[in-house]
Protein backbone atom coordinates (compact mmCIF):
# COMPACT_ATOMS: atom_id res chain seq x y z
CA UNK A 1 -0.14 -0.49 -0.13
CA UNK A 2 2.88 2.06 -0.30
CA UNK A 3 2.40 4.96 -3.17
CA UNK A 4 4.95 7.06 -4.26
CA UNK A 5 4.13 10.39 -4.42
CA UNK A 6 6.49 12.15 -6.59
CA UNK A 7 6.06 15.15 -8.72
CA UNK A 8 7.43 15.03 -12.46
CA UNK A 9 7.25 18.52 -13.80
CA UNK A 10 7.44 17.17 -17.57
CA UNK A 11 4.04 15.09 -16.90
CA UNK A 12 2.45 18.11 -15.10
CA UNK A 13 2.96 21.06 -18.02
CA UNK A 14 0.78 18.75 -20.93
CA UNK A 15 -1.65 18.55 -18.09
CA UNK A 16 -1.21 22.06 -17.04
CA UNK A 17 -1.80 23.09 -20.70
CA UNK A 18 -4.94 21.07 -21.32
CA UNK A 19 -6.73 22.16 -18.82
CA UNK A 20 -5.62 25.77 -19.57
CA UNK A 21 -7.04 25.37 -22.82
CA UNK A 22 -10.24 23.89 -21.69
CA UNK A 23 -10.30 27.06 -19.32
CA UNK A 24 -9.04 29.83 -21.65
CA UNK A 25 -12.35 28.90 -23.57
CA UNK A 26 -14.38 30.35 -20.86
CA UNK A 27 -11.96 32.58 -18.73
CA UNK A 28 -14.12 35.72 -20.36
CA UNK A 29 -17.29 34.43 -19.06
CA UNK A 30 -15.87 33.47 -15.66
CA UNK A 31 -14.20 36.94 -15.45
CA UNK A 32 -17.44 38.48 -15.69
CA UNK A 33 -19.61 36.66 -13.56
CA UNK A 34 -16.74 37.31 -10.97
CA UNK A 35 -16.72 40.84 -11.78
CA UNK A 36 -20.56 40.97 -11.73
CA UNK A 37 -20.41 39.14 -7.76
CA UNK A 38 -18.25 41.96 -6.15
CA UNK A 39 -20.76 44.80 -7.87
CA UNK A 40 -23.43 42.72 -6.15
CA UNK A 41 -21.97 42.07 -2.65
CA UNK A 42 -20.95 46.00 -2.88
CA UNK A 43 -24.58 47.15 -3.62
CA UNK A 44 -25.89 44.96 -0.95
CA UNK A 45 -23.52 46.34 1.42
CA UNK A 46 -24.23 49.95 0.05
CA UNK A 47 -28.07 49.32 0.56
CA UNK A 48 -27.52 47.95 4.43
CA UNK A 49 -25.55 51.19 4.96
CA UNK A 50 -28.11 53.43 3.35
CA UNK A 51 -31.07 52.09 5.64
CA UNK A 52 -29.12 52.18 8.74
CA UNK A 53 -30.73 53.92 11.52
CA UNK A 54 -28.64 55.61 14.57
CA UNK A 55 -29.24 53.95 17.99
CA UNK A 56 -30.91 55.31 20.62
CA UNK A 57 -27.88 56.20 22.46
CA UNK A 58 -26.34 57.73 19.88
CA UNK A 59 -29.24 60.50 19.44
CA UNK A 60 -29.28 60.92 23.11
CA UNK A 61 -25.82 61.98 22.84
CA UNK A 62 -26.31 64.14 19.95
CA UNK A 63 -28.87 65.71 21.64
CA UNK A 64 -27.37 66.36 24.59
CA UNK A 65 -23.74 67.38 23.08
CA UNK A 66 -26.18 70.18 20.15
CA UNK A 67 -26.59 73.94 22.39
CA UNK A 68 -29.48 75.64 21.30
CA UNK A 69 -28.38 79.02 20.87
CA UNK A 70 -30.82 81.73 23.23
CA UNK A 71 -31.20 85.31 22.13
CA UNK A 72 -31.84 87.45 24.86
CA UNK A 73 -35.11 89.22 25.22
CA UNK A 74 -33.22 92.70 25.76
CA UNK A 75 -31.50 92.51 22.83
CA UNK A 76 -34.39 92.02 21.12
CA UNK A 77 -36.47 94.90 22.46
CA UNK A 78 -33.39 96.98 21.40
CA UNK A 79 -33.09 96.30 17.90
CA UNK A 80 -37.01 96.88 17.85
CA UNK A 81 -36.88 100.24 19.14
CA UNK A 82 -33.73 101.27 16.73
CA UNK A 83 -35.47 100.31 14.10
CA UNK A 84 -39.03 102.08 15.35
CA UNK A 85 -36.61 105.19 15.64
CA UNK A 86 -34.48 105.31 12.48
CA UNK A 87 -36.72 105.00 9.21
CA UNK A 88 -33.12 104.09 7.35
CA UNK A 89 -32.86 101.03 9.44
CA UNK A 90 -36.80 100.13 8.80
CA UNK A 91 -36.64 100.35 5.29
CA UNK A 92 -33.10 98.17 5.24
CA UNK A 93 -35.18 95.61 7.43
CA UNK A 94 -37.73 95.63 5.63
CA UNK A 95 -35.87 94.78 2.21
CA UNK A 96 -34.04 92.18 4.13
CA UNK A 97 -37.33 90.58 5.18
CA UNK A 98 -38.50 90.80 1.32
CA UNK A 99 -35.56 89.55 -0.09
CA UNK A 100 -33.44 87.92 2.21
CA UNK A 101 -31.01 86.59 -0.69
CA UNK A 102 -29.63 90.51 -1.54
CA UNK A 103 -26.89 91.95 -0.45
C-alpha cells in the first residue's frame, strides 16, 4: 500500500496545458461573473448602510452635545426700538425681510 508521491514536471506541464486550453475558452465568462459578483456584494452592502438607523444612545448623545442658541429678550427689544426710531434702519429691515438673499 505504499504509493510513491513524486512530482514530475515533465508530465505535469502537458496536463496543465490541457486544463488551461479548456479553461481559457471560458475565461472571459468567468471574469465577468466574478466582476458581477463583486458589484452585487458592494450594492448589497451600500443598501444596508443606506437604511441604517442610529441607535437611541447615539441620538441622545447628539441631543445632549447640541447647544441651542438663546437670544436675550433685552437685545430683541433694543433692536426693535432702534428699528422704530430710525427710518433708514426700518427700510433696511423691510428690504431684508422681503428679499433675504439680496446683499
